[in-house]
Amino acid sequence: MEPVKDASHLYVVERRAHHAERPGFRIAELQISPTQKVPWHYHTHTQDTFYVIEGRLRLFLREPKQEVNLGPGDTYSVRPRRPHLVANGGEGSATFLVLQGIGEYDYVPLV
């Protein structure tokens, strides 16, 4: 698949906000329902650092295969080029920040 610079049209979330953006770094806030997810993808140059504000997140990772469960106040970083999927891990909405950098952002969807 081809990398895209803006993936917001590729998956539905309850709420999405961008809090900061500068060349090579950005901070986004997402809220997902119990049935929503950010599909399998990776970033060529940027690391994703997740910070959970409310609810629970489940991160599924490949290379190597791993599952990470996060709650409020927990963080986890995914290195560039590591495939990952983000899912809600609870019964209510989950709100989290994702810090992305340092480098040019892209989103490479995986099948």
Protein backbone atom coordinates (compact mmCIF):
# COMPACT_ATOMS: atom_id res chain seq x y z
CA MET A 1 0.00 0.00 0.00
CA GLU A 2 1.05 3.58 -0.55
CA PRO A 3 1.83 5.82 2.42
CA VAL A 4 -0.63 8.65 3.11
CA LYS A 5 0.00 11.95 4.88
CA ASP A 6 -3.49 12.14 6.42
CA ALA A 7 -5.19 8.90 7.47
CA SER A 8 -8.29 10.45 9.07
CA HIS A 9 -10.49 9.29 6.17
CA LEU A 10 -9.36 5.66 6.52
CA TYR A 11 -11.04 4.85 9.85
CA VAL A 12 -13.83 6.24 12.02
CA VAL A 13 -13.33 7.48 15.59
CA GLU A 14 -15.71 9.19 18.04
CA ARG A 15 -13.48 12.27 18.26
CA ARG A 16 -10.16 13.45 16.87
CA ALA A 17 -8.27 16.64 17.77
CA HIS A 18 -4.80 17.91 16.96
CA HIS A 19 -3.18 19.73 19.88
CA ALA A 20 0.22 20.55 18.45
CA GLU A 21 1.95 20.23 15.14
CA ARG A 22 5.31 21.39 13.92
CA PRO A 23 7.71 20.02 11.32
CA GLY A 24 8.66 16.51 12.41
CA PHE A 25 6.37 16.26 15.46
CA ARG A 26 2.66 16.27 16.30
CA ILE A 27 0.27 15.47 19.13
CA ALA A 28 -3.21 14.13 18.40
CA GLU A 29 -6.02 13.13 20.75
CA LEU A 30 -8.38 10.34 19.76
CA GLN A 31 -11.48 8.90 21.38
CA ILE A 32 -12.67 5.49 20.24
CA SER A 33 -15.77 3.51 21.14
CA PRO A 34 -15.59 -0.10 22.33
CA THR A 35 -16.09 -1.30 18.73
CA GLN A 36 -13.72 1.09 16.96
CA LYS A 37 -10.05 0.60 16.14
CA VAL A 38 -7.15 2.11 14.28
CA PRO A 39 -6.42 -0.58 11.66
CA TRP A 40 -3.09 -2.30 11.05
CA HIS A 41 -0.48 0.18 9.84
CA TYR A 42 3.02 1.47 10.43
CA HIS A 43 4.92 4.73 10.09
CA THR A 44 8.09 4.90 8.02
CA HIS A 45 10.00 7.48 10.07
CA THR A 46 7.98 8.37 13.18
CA GLN A 47 7.57 6.68 16.52
CA ASP A 48 4.07 6.56 18.07
CA THR A 49 3.94 7.15 21.80
CA PHE A 50 0.51 6.42 23.28
CA TYR A 51 -0.68 8.03 26.53
CA VAL A 52 -4.06 6.90 27.86
CA ILE A 53 -6.23 9.61 29.41
CA GLU A 54 -9.42 7.62 30.02
CA GLY A 55 -10.55 4.04 29.44
CA ARG A 56 -8.40 1.15 28.25
CA LEU A 57 -6.39 0.51 25.08
CA ARG A 58 -5.15 -2.72 23.54
CA LEU A 59 -2.19 -2.45 21.21
CA PHE A 60 -1.50 -5.37 18.91
CA LEU A 61 1.99 -5.40 17.44
CA ARG A 62 3.97 -7.48 14.95
CA GLU A 63 7.68 -8.01 14.45
CA PRO A 64 7.67 -9.42 17.08
CA LYS A 65 4.08 -10.34 17.88
CA GLN A 66 2.97 -8.67 21.12
CA GLU A 67 -0.16 -7.41 22.89
CA VAL A 68 0.02 -4.45 25.25
CA ASN A 69 -2.84 -3.41 27.55
CA LEU A 70 -2.88 0.19 28.78
CA GLY A 71 -4.99 2.09 31.31
CA PRO A 72 -5.17 5.73 32.42
CA GLY A 73 -1.69 7.21 32.82
CA ASP A 74 0.04 4.36 30.99
CA THR A 75 2.32 4.99 28.04
CA TYR A 76 3.85 2.83 25.35
CA SER A 77 6.04 3.66 22.36
CA VAL A 78 6.01 1.88 19.01
CA ARG A 79 9.19 2.26 16.96
CA PRO A 80 9.08 3.32 13.30
CA ARG A 81 8.21 0.56 10.80
CA ARG A 82 6.69 -1.71 13.48
CA PRO A 83 3.16 -2.76 12.41
CA HIS A 84 0.48 -2.04 15.00
CA LEU A 85 -3.28 -1.94 15.52
CA VAL A 86 -4.98 0.10 18.24
CA ALA A 87 -8.23 -1.17 19.79
CA ASN A 88 -10.43 -0.20 22.68
CA GLY A 89 -9.75 -2.55 25.59
CA GLY A 90 -12.74 -1.68 27.76
CA GLU A 91 -16.51 -1.37 27.83
CA GLY A 92 -16.67 2.43 27.47
CA SER A 93 -14.95 4.97 25.28
CA ALA A 94 -11.17 5.25 25.41
CA THR A 95 -9.39 8.60 25.08
CA PHE A 96 -5.68 8.79 24.39
CA LEU A 97 -2.94 11.02 23.11
CA VAL A 98 -0.54 9.89 20.42
CA LEU A 99 2.75 11.74 20.14
CA GLN A 100 4.28 11.21 16.70
CA GLY A 101 7.84 12.09 15.82
CA ILE A 102 10.55 12.80 15.25
CA GLY A 103 10.45 12.83 11.48
CA GLU A 104 8.06 13.21 8.58
CA TYR A 105 4.66 11.63 9.38
CA ASP A 106 3.10 9.03 7.11
CA TYR A 107 0.57 6.24 7.58
CA VAL A 108 1.16 3.00 5.72
CA PRO A 109 -1.99 0.83 5.83
CA LEU A 110 -1.58 -2.95 5.94
CA VAL A 111 -4.00 -5.56 4.68
